[in-house]
Amino acid sequence: MPMIDIKNPKNVSTATVTAFGLLGGWITARETGIRPLGGVVLAAAGVWAGRSWAKKTNPLTTAALSALYVGAFGASHPLAKKIGSWPAVLAVTAVTSIASYLHSDRK
């Protein structure tokens, strides 16, 4: 039986993963009409990014990036009422991905 070769957490681009989680989760929920399914995408990407943050950074940075990721999801909803869905999702995704790159990936 072949083994699954999972990428080393230190080699994962968490900026890309967080962007996928936020954008992919939103698009999945929107296009399927099944909001919990979008939540599954969001959660899976968050766990995958968190695994890498834990290996690449310290516990404080991991907690801060995790809080930012979850907070971005929460912030996108009220922000969408002010500026629209796409701009809100793109804004929180940009902030989260840039922070992830700066505090985890570029090291």
PDB file of N, CA and C in Angstrom:
ATOM      1  N   MET A   1       0.838  -1.176   0.000  1.00  0.00           N
ATOM      2  CA  MET A   1       0.000   0.000   0.000  1.00  0.00           C
ATOM      3  C   MET A   1       0.887   1.245   0.000  1.00  0.00           C
ATOM      4  N   PRO A   2       0.700   2.147  -0.976  1.00  0.00           N
ATOM      5  CA  PRO A   2       1.573   3.324  -1.045  1.00  0.00           C
ATOM      6  C   PRO A   2       1.296   4.305   0.097  1.00  0.00           C
ATOM      7  N   MET A   3       2.353   4.911   0.550  1.00  0.00           N
ATOM      8  CA  MET A   3       2.245   5.928   1.600  1.00  0.00           C
ATOM      9  C   MET A   3       1.899   7.265   0.952  1.00  0.00           C
ATOM     10  N   ILE A   4       1.175   8.072   1.685  1.00  0.00           N
ATOM     11  CA  ILE A   4       0.876   9.425   1.225  1.00  0.00           C
ATOM     12  C   ILE A   4       2.043  10.310   1.630  1.00  0.00           C
ATOM     13  N   ASP A   5       2.579  11.010   0.665  1.00  0.00           N
ATOM     14  CA  ASP A   5       3.707  11.901   0.940  1.00  0.00           C
ATOM     15  C   ASP A   5       3.162  13.301   1.186  1.00  0.00           C
ATOM     16  N   ILE A   6       3.089  13.701   2.460  1.00  0.00           N
ATOM     17  CA  ILE A   6       2.566  15.005   2.822  1.00  0.00           C
ATOM     18  C   ILE A   6       3.720  15.998   2.866  1.00  0.00           C
ATOM     19  N   LYS A   7       3.506  17.140   2.262  1.00  0.00           N
ATOM     20  CA  LYS A   7       4.526  18.172   2.191  1.00  0.00           C
ATOM     21  C   LYS A   7       4.982  18.595   3.586  1.00  0.00           C
ATOM     22  N   ASN A   8       6.265  18.785   3.729  1.00  0.00           N
ATOM     23  CA  ASN A   8       6.833  19.268   4.986  1.00  0.00           C
ATOM     24  C   ASN A   8       6.209  20.612   5.333  1.00  0.00           C
ATOM     25  N   PRO A   9       5.750  20.793   6.583  1.00  0.00           N
ATOM     26  CA  PRO A   9       5.094  22.052   6.967  1.00  0.00           C
ATOM     27  C   PRO A   9       5.948  23.294   6.719  1.00  0.00           C
ATOM     28  N   LYS A  10       7.261  23.144   6.797  1.00  0.00           N
ATOM     29  CA  LYS A  10       8.144  24.289   6.586  1.00  0.00           C
ATOM     30  C   LYS A  10       8.208  24.715   5.118  1.00  0.00           C
ATOM     31  N   ASN A  11       7.730  23.862   4.221  1.00  0.00           N
ATOM     32  CA  ASN A  11       7.762  24.158   2.790  1.00  0.00           C
ATOM     33  C   ASN A  11       6.413  24.603   2.220  1.00  0.00           C
ATOM     34  N   VAL A  12       5.424  24.755   3.075  1.00  0.00           N
ATOM     35  CA  VAL A  12       4.090  25.154   2.638  1.00  0.00           C
ATOM     36  C   VAL A  12       4.007  26.676   2.579  1.00  0.00           C
ATOM     37  N   SER A  13       3.455  27.200   1.498  1.00  0.00           N
ATOM     38  CA  SER A  13       3.218  28.646   1.373  1.00  0.00           C
ATOM     39  C   SER A  13       1.906  28.964   2.075  1.00  0.00           C
ATOM     40  N   THR A  14       2.004  29.434   3.315  1.00  0.00           N
ATOM     41  CA  THR A  14       0.794  29.702   4.083  1.00  0.00           C
ATOM     42  C   THR A  14       0.023  30.897   3.539  1.00  0.00           C
ATOM     43  N   ALA A  15       0.702  31.805   2.860  1.00  0.00           N
ATOM     44  CA  ALA A  15      -0.006  32.926   2.227  1.00  0.00           C
ATOM     45  C   ALA A  15      -0.963  32.388   1.164  1.00  0.00           C
ATOM     46  N   THR A  16      -0.510  31.423   0.401  1.00  0.00           N
ATOM     47  CA  THR A  16      -1.342  30.808  -0.634  1.00  0.00           C
ATOM     48  C   THR A  16      -2.480  30.012  -0.011  1.00  0.00           C
ATOM     49  N   VAL A  17      -2.182  29.280   1.041  1.00  0.00           N
ATOM     50  CA  VAL A  17      -3.198  28.459   1.699  1.00  0.00           C
ATOM     51  C   VAL A  17      -4.286  29.329   2.326  1.00  0.00           C
ATOM     52  N   THR A  18      -3.902  30.421   2.977  1.00  0.00           N
ATOM     53  CA  THR A  18      -4.912  31.286   3.585  1.00  0.00           C
ATOM     54  C   THR A  18      -5.760  31.963   2.515  1.00  0.00           C
ATOM     55  N   ALA A  19      -5.137  32.336   1.412  1.00  0.00           N
ATOM     56  CA  ALA A  19      -5.908  32.930   0.314  1.00  0.00           C
ATOM     57  C   ALA A  19      -6.912  31.910  -0.230  1.00  0.00           C
ATOM     58  N   PHE A  20      -6.454  30.683  -0.398  1.00  0.00           N
ATOM     59  CA  PHE A  20      -7.356  29.632  -0.869  1.00  0.00           C
ATOM     60  C   PHE A  20      -8.499  29.414   0.114  1.00  0.00           C
ATOM     61  N   GLY A  21      -8.194  29.391   1.399  1.00  0.00           N
ATOM     62  CA  GLY A  21      -9.220  29.141   2.403  1.00  0.00           C
ATOM     63  C   GLY A  21     -10.292  30.213   2.422  1.00  0.00           C
ATOM     64  N   LEU A  22      -9.862  31.472   2.413  1.00  0.00           N
ATOM     65  CA  LEU A  22     -10.832  32.568   2.466  1.00  0.00           C
ATOM     66  C   LEU A  22     -11.593  32.731   1.157  1.00  0.00           C
ATOM     67  N   LEU A  23     -10.874  32.762   0.050  1.00  0.00           N
ATOM     68  CA  LEU A  23     -11.547  32.894  -1.254  1.00  0.00           C
ATOM     69  C   LEU A  23     -12.313  31.620  -1.620  1.00  0.00           C
ATOM     70  N   GLY A  24     -11.647  30.487  -1.449  1.00  0.00           N
ATOM     71  CA  GLY A  24     -12.274  29.214  -1.807  1.00  0.00           C
ATOM     72  C   GLY A  24     -13.483  28.887  -0.959  1.00  0.00           C
ATOM     73  N   GLY A  25     -13.400  29.210   0.322  1.00  0.00           N
ATOM     74  CA  GLY A  25     -14.543  28.977   1.209  1.00  0.00           C
ATOM     75  C   GLY A  25     -15.730  29.834   0.814  1.00  0.00           C
ATOM     76  N   TRP A  26     -15.455  31.101   0.510  1.00  0.00           N
ATOM     77  CA  TRP A  26     -16.528  32.019   0.117  1.00  0.00           C
ATOM     78  C   TRP A  26     -17.154  31.586  -1.211  1.00  0.00           C
ATOM     79  N   ILE A  27     -16.306  31.258  -2.172  1.00  0.00           N
ATOM     80  CA  ILE A  27     -16.815  30.843  -3.493  1.00  0.00           C
ATOM     81  C   ILE A  27     -17.597  29.531  -3.382  1.00  0.00           C
ATOM     82  N   THR A  28     -17.092  28.598  -2.599  1.00  0.00           N
ATOM     83  CA  THR A  28     -17.785  27.317  -2.417  1.00  0.00           C
ATOM     84  C   THR A  28     -19.173  27.536  -1.824  1.00  0.00           C
ATOM     85  N   ALA A  29     -19.255  28.343  -0.769  1.00  0.00           N
ATOM     86  CA  ALA A  29     -20.550  28.615  -0.140  1.00  0.00           C
ATOM     87  C   ALA A  29     -21.488  29.334  -1.098  1.00  0.00           C
ATOM     88  N   ARG A  30     -20.948  30.282  -1.819  1.00  0.00           N
ATOM     89  CA  ARG A  30     -21.775  31.082  -2.738  1.00  0.00           C
ATOM     90  C   ARG A  30     -22.302  30.252  -3.900  1.00  0.00           C
ATOM     91  N   GLU A  31     -21.436  29.456  -4.500  1.00  0.00           N
ATOM     92  CA  GLU A  31     -21.821  28.716  -5.708  1.00  0.00           C
ATOM     93  C   GLU A  31     -22.645  27.468  -5.415  1.00  0.00           C
ATOM     94  N   THR A  32     -22.436  26.857  -4.265  1.00  0.00           N
ATOM     95  CA  THR A  32     -23.224  25.662  -3.946  1.00  0.00           C
ATOM     96  C   THR A  32     -24.493  26.016  -3.188  1.00  0.00           C
ATOM     97  N   GLY A  33     -24.481  27.183  -2.538  1.00  0.00           N
ATOM     98  CA  GLY A  33     -25.601  27.543  -1.686  1.00  0.00           C
ATOM     99  C   GLY A  33     -25.578  26.815  -0.348  1.00  0.00           C
ATOM    100  N   ILE A  34     -24.498  26.094  -0.097  1.00  0.00           N
ATOM    101  CA  ILE A  34     -24.348  25.333   1.140  1.00  0.00           C
ATOM    102  C   ILE A  34     -23.252  26.000   1.969  1.00  0.00           C
ATOM    103  N   ARG A  35     -23.660  26.901   2.862  1.00  0.00           N
ATOM    104  CA  ARG A  35     -22.690  27.662   3.651  1.00  0.00           C
ATOM    105  C   ARG A  35     -21.761  26.777   4.475  1.00  0.00           C
ATOM    106  N   PRO A  36     -22.256  25.704   5.101  1.00  0.00           N
ATOM    107  CA  PRO A  36     -21.333  24.855   5.868  1.00  0.00           C
ATOM    108  C   PRO A  36     -20.232  24.225   5.015  1.00  0.00           C
ATOM    109  N   LEU A  37     -20.518  23.981   3.742  1.00  0.00           N
ATOM    110  CA  LEU A  37     -19.495  23.428   2.862  1.00  0.00           C
ATOM    111  C   LEU A  37     -18.360  24.435   2.667  1.00  0.00           C
ATOM    112  N   GLY A  38     -18.712  25.709   2.547  1.00  0.00           N
ATOM    113  CA  GLY A  38     -17.684  26.758   2.496  1.00  0.00           C
ATOM    114  C   GLY A  38     -16.884  26.800   3.781  1.00  0.00           C
ATOM    115  N   GLY A  39     -17.557  26.546   4.896  1.00  0.00           N
ATOM    116  CA  GLY A  39     -16.879  26.491   6.183  1.00  0.00           C
ATOM    117  C   GLY A  39     -15.886  25.350   6.274  1.00  0.00           C
ATOM    118  N   VAL A  40     -16.200  24.247   5.623  1.00  0.00           N
ATOM    119  CA  VAL A  40     -15.282  23.098   5.598  1.00  0.00           C
ATOM    120  C   VAL A  40     -14.005  23.480   4.857  1.00  0.00           C
ATOM    121  N   VAL A  41     -14.147  24.158   3.727  1.00  0.00           N
ATOM    122  CA  VAL A  41     -12.976  24.609   2.957  1.00  0.00           C
ATOM    123  C   VAL A  41     -12.154  25.577   3.804  1.00  0.00           C
ATOM    124  N   LEU A  42     -12.832  26.541   4.413  1.00  0.00           N
ATOM    125  CA  LEU A  42     -12.165  27.521   5.272  1.00  0.00           C
ATOM    126  C   LEU A  42     -11.421  26.834   6.415  1.00  0.00           C
ATOM    127  N   ALA A  43     -12.067  25.907   7.094  1.00  0.00           N
ATOM    128  CA  ALA A  43     -11.460  25.219   8.236  1.00  0.00           C
ATOM    129  C   ALA A  43     -10.275  24.350   7.815  1.00  0.00           C
ATOM    130  N   ALA A  44     -10.434  23.620   6.717  1.00  0.00           N
ATOM    131  CA  ALA A  44      -9.349  22.748   6.251  1.00  0.00           C
ATOM    132  C   ALA A  44      -8.100  23.562   5.923  1.00  0.00           C
ATOM    133  N   ALA A  45      -8.284  24.681   5.239  1.00  0.00           N
ATOM    134  CA  ALA A  45      -7.137  25.534   4.910  1.00  0.00           C
ATOM    135  C   ALA A  45      -6.532  26.132   6.181  1.00  0.00           C
ATOM    136  N   GLY A  46      -7.374  26.488   7.139  1.00  0.00           N
ATOM    137  CA  GLY A  46      -6.880  27.035   8.394  1.00  0.00           C
ATOM    138  C   GLY A  46      -6.041  26.032   9.173  1.00  0.00           C
ATOM    139  N   VAL A  47      -6.477  24.792   9.195  1.00  0.00           N
ATOM    140  CA  VAL A  47      -5.714  23.738   9.869  1.00  0.00           C
ATOM    141  C   VAL A  47      -4.384  23.512   9.146  1.00  0.00           C
ATOM    142  N   TRP A  48      -4.433  23.482   7.819  1.00  0.00           N
ATOM    143  CA  TRP A  48      -3.213  23.259   7.030  1.00  0.00           C
ATOM    144  C   TRP A  48      -2.208  24.402   7.237  1.00  0.00           C
ATOM    145  N   ALA A  49      -2.695  25.635   7.220  1.00  0.00           N
ATOM    146  CA  ALA A  49      -1.817  26.785   7.459  1.00  0.00           C
ATOM    147  C   ALA A  49      -1.308  26.769   8.898  1.00  0.00           C
ATOM    148  N   GLY A  50      -2.182  26.469   9.842  1.00  0.00           N
ATOM    149  CA  GLY A  50      -1.794  26.439  11.245  1.00  0.00           C
ATOM    150  C   GLY A  50      -0.699  25.430  11.527  1.00  0.00           C
ATOM    151  N   ARG A  51      -0.753  24.300  10.852  1.00  0.00           N
ATOM    152  CA  ARG A  51       0.285  23.272  10.981  1.00  0.00           C
ATOM    153  C   ARG A  51       1.637  23.844  10.579  1.00  0.00           C
ATOM    154  N   SER A  52       1.645  24.608   9.512  1.00  0.00           N
ATOM    155  CA  SER A  52       2.901  25.208   9.045  1.00  0.00           C
ATOM    156  C   SER A  52       3.350  26.361   9.939  1.00  0.00           C
ATOM    157  N   TRP A  53       2.398  27.195  10.364  1.00  0.00           N
ATOM    158  CA  TRP A  53       2.772  28.288  11.265  1.00  0.00           C
ATOM    159  C   TRP A  53       3.421  27.735  12.528  1.00  0.00           C
ATOM    160  N   ALA A  54       2.890  26.646  13.032  1.00  0.00           N
ATOM    161  CA  ALA A  54       3.428  26.041  14.255  1.00  0.00           C
ATOM    162  C   ALA A  54       4.864  25.559  14.066  1.00  0.00           C
ATOM    163  N   LYS A  55       5.197  25.094  12.876  1.00  0.00           N
ATOM    164  CA  LYS A  55       6.552  24.604  12.603  1.00  0.00           C
ATOM    165  C   LYS A  55       7.513  25.732  12.222  1.00  0.00           C
ATOM    166  N   LYS A  56       6.999  26.767  11.571  1.00  0.00           N
ATOM    167  CA  LYS A  56       7.860  27.841  11.075  1.00  0.00           C
ATOM    168  C   LYS A  56       8.085  28.967  12.072  1.00  0.00           C
ATOM    169  N   THR A  57       7.144  29.149  12.996  1.00  0.00           N
ATOM    170  CA  THR A  57       7.201  30.309  13.881  1.00  0.00           C
ATOM    171  C   THR A  57       7.122  29.877  15.338  1.00  0.00           C
ATOM    172  N   ASN A  58       6.886  30.826  16.199  1.00  0.00           N
ATOM    173  CA  ASN A  58       6.734  30.531  17.625  1.00  0.00           C
ATOM    174  C   ASN A  58       5.239  30.481  17.982  1.00  0.00           C
ATOM    175  N   PRO A  59       4.916  30.026  19.191  1.00  0.00           N
ATOM    176  CA  PRO A  59       3.495  29.905  19.572  1.00  0.00           C
ATOM    177  C   PRO A  59       2.720  31.229  19.516  1.00  0.00           C
ATOM    178  N   LEU A  60       3.353  32.330  19.877  1.00  0.00           N
ATOM    179  CA  LEU A  60       2.672  33.625  19.848  1.00  0.00           C
ATOM    180  C   LEU A  60       2.307  34.026  18.419  1.00  0.00           C
ATOM    181  N   THR A  61       3.247  33.860  17.504  1.00  0.00           N
ATOM    182  CA  THR A  61       2.984  34.191  16.100  1.00  0.00           C
ATOM    183  C   THR A  61       1.925  33.270  15.512  1.00  0.00           C
ATOM    184  N   THR A  62       2.004  31.997  15.848  1.00  0.00           N
ATOM    185  CA  THR A  62       1.003  31.031  15.376  1.00  0.00           C
ATOM    186  C   THR A  62      -0.387  31.428  15.866  1.00  0.00           C
ATOM    187  N   ALA A  63      -0.489  31.793  17.126  1.00  0.00           N
ATOM    188  CA  ALA A  63      -1.782  32.210  17.687  1.00  0.00           C
ATOM    189  C   ALA A  63      -2.279  33.491  17.026  1.00  0.00           C
ATOM    190  N   ALA A  64      -1.379  34.434  16.806  1.00  0.00           N
ATOM    191  CA  ALA A  64      -1.771  35.704  16.182  1.00  0.00           C
ATOM    192  C   ALA A  64      -2.243  35.490  14.747  1.00  0.00           C
ATOM    193  N   LEU A  65      -1.520  34.686  13.979  1.00  0.00           N
ATOM    194  CA  LEU A  65      -1.926  34.428  12.595  1.00  0.00           C
ATOM    195  C   LEU A  65      -3.239  33.636  12.546  1.00  0.00           C
ATOM    196  N   SER A  66      -3.403  32.717  13.466  1.00  0.00           N
ATOM    197  CA  SER A  66      -4.661  31.956  13.534  1.00  0.00           C
ATOM    198  C   SER A  66      -5.827  32.881  13.859  1.00  0.00           C
ATOM    199  N   ALA A  67      -5.618  33.770  14.815  1.00  0.00           N
ATOM    200  CA  ALA A  67      -6.670  34.724  15.188  1.00  0.00           C
ATOM    201  C   ALA A  67      -6.990  35.658  14.028  1.00  0.00           C
ATOM    202  N   LEU A  68      -5.965  36.077  13.308  1.00  0.00           N
ATOM    203  CA  LEU A  68      -6.186  36.940  12.144  1.00  0.00           C
ATOM    204  C   LEU A  68      -7.003  36.212  11.082  1.00  0.00           C
ATOM    205  N   TYR A  69      -6.688  34.950  10.833  1.00  0.00           N
ATOM    206  CA  TYR A  69      -7.406  34.161   9.830  1.00  0.00           C
ATOM    207  C   TYR A  69      -8.883  34.020  10.190  1.00  0.00           C
ATOM    208  N   VAL A  70      -9.143  33.641  11.426  1.00  0.00           N
ATOM    209  CA  VAL A  70     -10.527  33.493  11.878  1.00  0.00           C
ATOM    210  C   VAL A  70     -11.216  34.855  11.918  1.00  0.00           C
ATOM    211  N   GLY A  71     -10.490  35.859  12.385  1.00  0.00           N
ATOM    212  CA  GLY A  71     -11.037  37.214  12.438  1.00  0.00           C
ATOM    213  C   GLY A  71     -11.355  37.773  11.065  1.00  0.00           C
ATOM    214  N   ALA A  72     -10.540  37.428  10.079  1.00  0.00           N
ATOM    215  CA  ALA A  72     -10.778  37.894   8.710  1.00  0.00           C
ATOM    216  C   ALA A  72     -12.106  37.345   8.192  1.00  0.00           C
ATOM    217  N   PHE A  73     -12.358  36.084   8.489  1.00  0.00           N
ATOM    218  CA  PHE A  73     -13.632  35.489   8.093  1.00  0.00           C
ATOM    219  C   PHE A  73     -14.783  36.244   8.745  1.00  0.00           C
ATOM    220  N   GLY A  74     -14.670  36.490  10.033  1.00  0.00           N
ATOM    221  CA  GLY A  74     -15.722  37.210  10.756  1.00  0.00           C
ATOM    222  C   GLY A  74     -15.877  38.642  10.286  1.00  0.00           C
ATOM    223  N   ALA A  75     -14.770  39.302  10.002  1.00  0.00           N
ATOM    224  CA  ALA A  75     -14.806  40.709   9.576  1.00  0.00           C
ATOM    225  C   ALA A  75     -15.362  40.877   8.170  1.00  0.00           C
ATOM    226  N   SER A  76     -15.235  39.854   7.353  1.00  0.00           N
ATOM    227  CA  SER A  76     -15.697  39.979   5.973  1.00  0.00           C
ATOM    228  C   SER A  76     -17.211  40.168   5.880  1.00  0.00           C
ATOM    229  N   HIS A  77     -17.948  39.620   6.834  1.00  0.00           N
ATOM    230  CA  HIS A  77     -19.405  39.728   6.788  1.00  0.00           C
ATOM    231  C   HIS A  77     -19.901  41.161   6.988  1.00  0.00           C
ATOM    232  N   PRO A  78     -19.532  41.845   8.068  1.00  0.00           N
ATOM    233  CA  PRO A  78     -19.989  43.234   8.202  1.00  0.00           C
ATOM    234  C   PRO A  78     -19.362  44.160   7.159  1.00  0.00           C
ATOM    235  N   LEU A  79     -18.136  43.853   6.762  1.00  0.00           N
ATOM    236  CA  LEU A  79     -17.483  44.669   5.739  1.00  0.00           C
ATOM    237  C   LEU A  79     -18.209  44.546   4.402  1.00  0.00           C
ATOM    238  N   ALA A  80     -18.735  43.361   4.113  1.00  0.00           N
ATOM    239  CA  ALA A  80     -19.467  43.135   2.866  1.00  0.00           C
ATOM    240  C   ALA A  80     -20.708  44.015   2.773  1.00  0.00           C
ATOM    241  N   LYS A  81     -21.318  44.299   3.907  1.00  0.00           N
ATOM    242  CA  LYS A  81     -22.502  45.163   3.910  1.00  0.00           C
ATOM    243  C   LYS A  81     -22.145  46.607   3.561  1.00  0.00           C
ATOM    244  N   LYS A  82     -20.891  46.971   3.800  1.00  0.00           N
ATOM    245  CA  LYS A  82     -20.454  48.342   3.526  1.00  0.00           C
ATOM    246  C   LYS A  82     -19.859  48.513   2.130  1.00  0.00           C
ATOM    247  N   ILE A  83     -19.062  47.524   1.694  1.00  0.00           N
ATOM    248  CA  ILE A  83     -18.350  47.700   0.418  1.00  0.00           C
ATOM    249  C   ILE A  83     -18.677  46.638  -0.624  1.00  0.00           C
ATOM    250  N   GLY A  84     -19.473  45.640  -0.260  1.00  0.00           N
ATOM    251  CA  GLY A  84     -19.824  44.566  -1.192  1.00  0.00           C
ATOM    252  C   GLY A  84     -19.053  43.290  -0.885  1.00  0.00           C
ATOM    253  N   SER A  85     -19.588  42.180  -1.368  1.00  0.00           N
ATOM    254  CA  SER A  85     -19.010  40.870  -1.056  1.00  0.00           C
ATOM    255  C   SER A  85     -17.602  40.676  -1.594  1.00  0.00           C
ATOM    256  N   TRP A  86     -17.440  40.840  -2.913  1.00  0.00           N
ATOM    257  CA  TRP A  86     -16.122  40.626  -3.508  1.00  0.00           C
ATOM    258  C   TRP A  86     -15.061  41.536  -2.911  1.00  0.00           C
ATOM    259  N   PRO A  87     -15.301  42.848  -2.833  1.00  0.00           N
ATOM    260  CA  PRO A  87     -14.267  43.708  -2.241  1.00  0.00           C
ATOM    261  C   PRO A  87     -13.934  43.329  -0.795  1.00  0.00           C
ATOM    262  N   ALA A  88     -14.933  42.939  -0.032  1.00  0.00           N
ATOM    263  CA  ALA A  88     -14.697  42.558   1.369  1.00  0.00           C
ATOM    264  C   ALA A  88     -13.835  41.309   1.456  1.00  0.00           C
ATOM    265  N   VAL A  89     -14.191  40.295   0.689  1.00  0.00           N
ATOM    266  CA  VAL A  89     -13.428  39.048   0.715  1.00  0.00           C
ATOM    267  C   VAL A  89     -12.006  39.279   0.208  1.00  0.00           C
ATOM    268  N   LEU A  90     -11.865  40.061  -0.839  1.00  0.00           N
ATOM    269  CA  LEU A  90     -10.519  40.349  -1.355  1.00  0.00           C
ATOM    270  C   LEU A  90      -9.693  41.139  -0.346  1.00  0.00           C
ATOM    271  N   ALA A  91     -10.310  42.083   0.338  1.00  0.00           N
ATOM    272  CA  ALA A  91      -9.586  42.901   1.320  1.00  0.00           C
ATOM    273  C   ALA A  91      -9.082  42.054   2.487  1.00  0.00           C
ATOM    274  N   VAL A  92      -9.963  41.255   3.076  1.00  0.00           N
ATOM    275  CA  VAL A  92      -9.519  40.458   4.228  1.00  0.00           C
ATOM    276  C   VAL A  92      -8.535  39.375   3.805  1.00  0.00           C
ATOM    277  N   THR A  93      -8.698  38.868   2.588  1.00  0.00           N
ATOM    278  CA  THR A  93      -7.761  37.869   2.080  1.00  0.00           C
ATOM    279  C   THR A  93      -6.388  38.485   1.886  1.00  0.00           C
ATOM    280  N   ALA A  94      -6.331  39.683   1.321  1.00  0.00           N
ATOM    281  CA  ALA A  94      -5.050  40.357   1.106  1.00  0.00           C
ATOM    282  C   ALA A  94      -4.333  40.603   2.425  1.00  0.00           C
ATOM    283  N   VAL A  95      -5.045  41.121   3.403  1.00  0.00           N
ATOM    284  CA  VAL A  95      -4.433  41.405   4.706  1.00  0.00           C
ATOM    285  C   VAL A  95      -3.899  40.120   5.339  1.00  0.00           C
ATOM    286  N   THR A  96      -4.700  39.082   5.323  1.00  0.00           N
ATOM    287  CA  THR A  96      -4.314  37.817   5.953  1.00  0.00           C
ATOM    288  C   THR A  96      -3.141  37.167   5.231  1.00  0.00           C
ATOM    289  N   SER A  97      -3.184  37.147   3.908  1.00  0.00           N
ATOM    290  CA  SER A  97      -2.112  36.525   3.145  1.00  0.00           C
ATOM    291  C   SER A  97      -0.796  37.293   3.273  1.00  0.00           C
ATOM    292  N   ILE A  98      -0.872  38.602   3.265  1.00  0.00           N
ATOM    293  CA  ILE A  98       0.342  39.407   3.420  1.00  0.00           C
ATOM    294  C   ILE A  98       0.948  39.185   4.807  1.00  0.00           C
ATOM    295  N   ALA A  99       0.112  39.190   5.831  1.00  0.00           N
ATOM    296  CA  ALA A  99       0.613  38.943   7.190  1.00  0.00           C
ATOM    297  C   ALA A  99       1.239  37.556   7.295  1.00  0.00           C
ATOM    298  N   SER A 100       0.607  36.586   6.679  1.00  0.00           N
ATOM    299  CA  SER A 100       1.131  35.220   6.708  1.00  0.00           C
ATOM    300  C   SER A 100       2.480  35.157   6.010  1.00  0.00           C
ATOM    301  N   TYR A 101       2.594  35.817   4.886  1.00  0.00           N
ATOM    302  CA  TYR A 101       3.867  35.838   4.168  1.00  0.00           C
ATOM    303  C   TYR A 101       4.944  36.523   5.017  1.00  0.00           C
ATOM    304  N   LEU A 102       4.631  37.695   5.536  1.00  0.00           N
ATOM    305  CA  LEU A 102       5.629  38.464   6.271  1.00  0.00           C
ATOM    306  C   LEU A 102       6.086  37.784   7.561  1.00  0.00           C
ATOM    307  N   HIS A 103       5.168  37.141   8.269  1.00  0.00           N
ATOM    308  CA  HIS A 103       5.510  36.591   9.572  1.00  0.00           C
ATOM    309  C   HIS A 103       5.798  35.091   9.569  1.00  0.00           C
ATOM    310  N   SER A 104       5.622  34.449   8.426  1.00  0.00           N
ATOM    311  CA  SER A 104       5.865  33.014   8.383  1.00  0.00           C
ATOM    312  C   SER A 104       6.637  32.578   7.148  1.00  0.00           C
ATOM    313  N   ASP A 105       6.148  32.896   5.979  1.00  0.00           N
ATOM    314  CA  ASP A 105       6.706  32.333   4.739  1.00  0.00           C
ATOM    315  C   ASP A 105       8.072  32.868   4.345  1.00  0.00           C
ATOM    316  N   ARG A 106       8.325  34.132   4.549  1.00  0.00           N
ATOM    317  CA  ARG A 106       9.587  34.694   4.067  1.00  0.00           C
ATOM    318  C   ARG A 106      10.784  34.303   4.919  1.00  0.00           C
ATOM    319  N   LYS A 107      10.549  33.674   6.040  1.00  0.00           N
ATOM    320  CA  LYS A 107      11.663  33.277   6.934  1.00  0.00           C
ATOM    321  C   LYS A 107      12.406  32.081   6.410  1.00  0.00           C
TER     322      LYS A 107
END
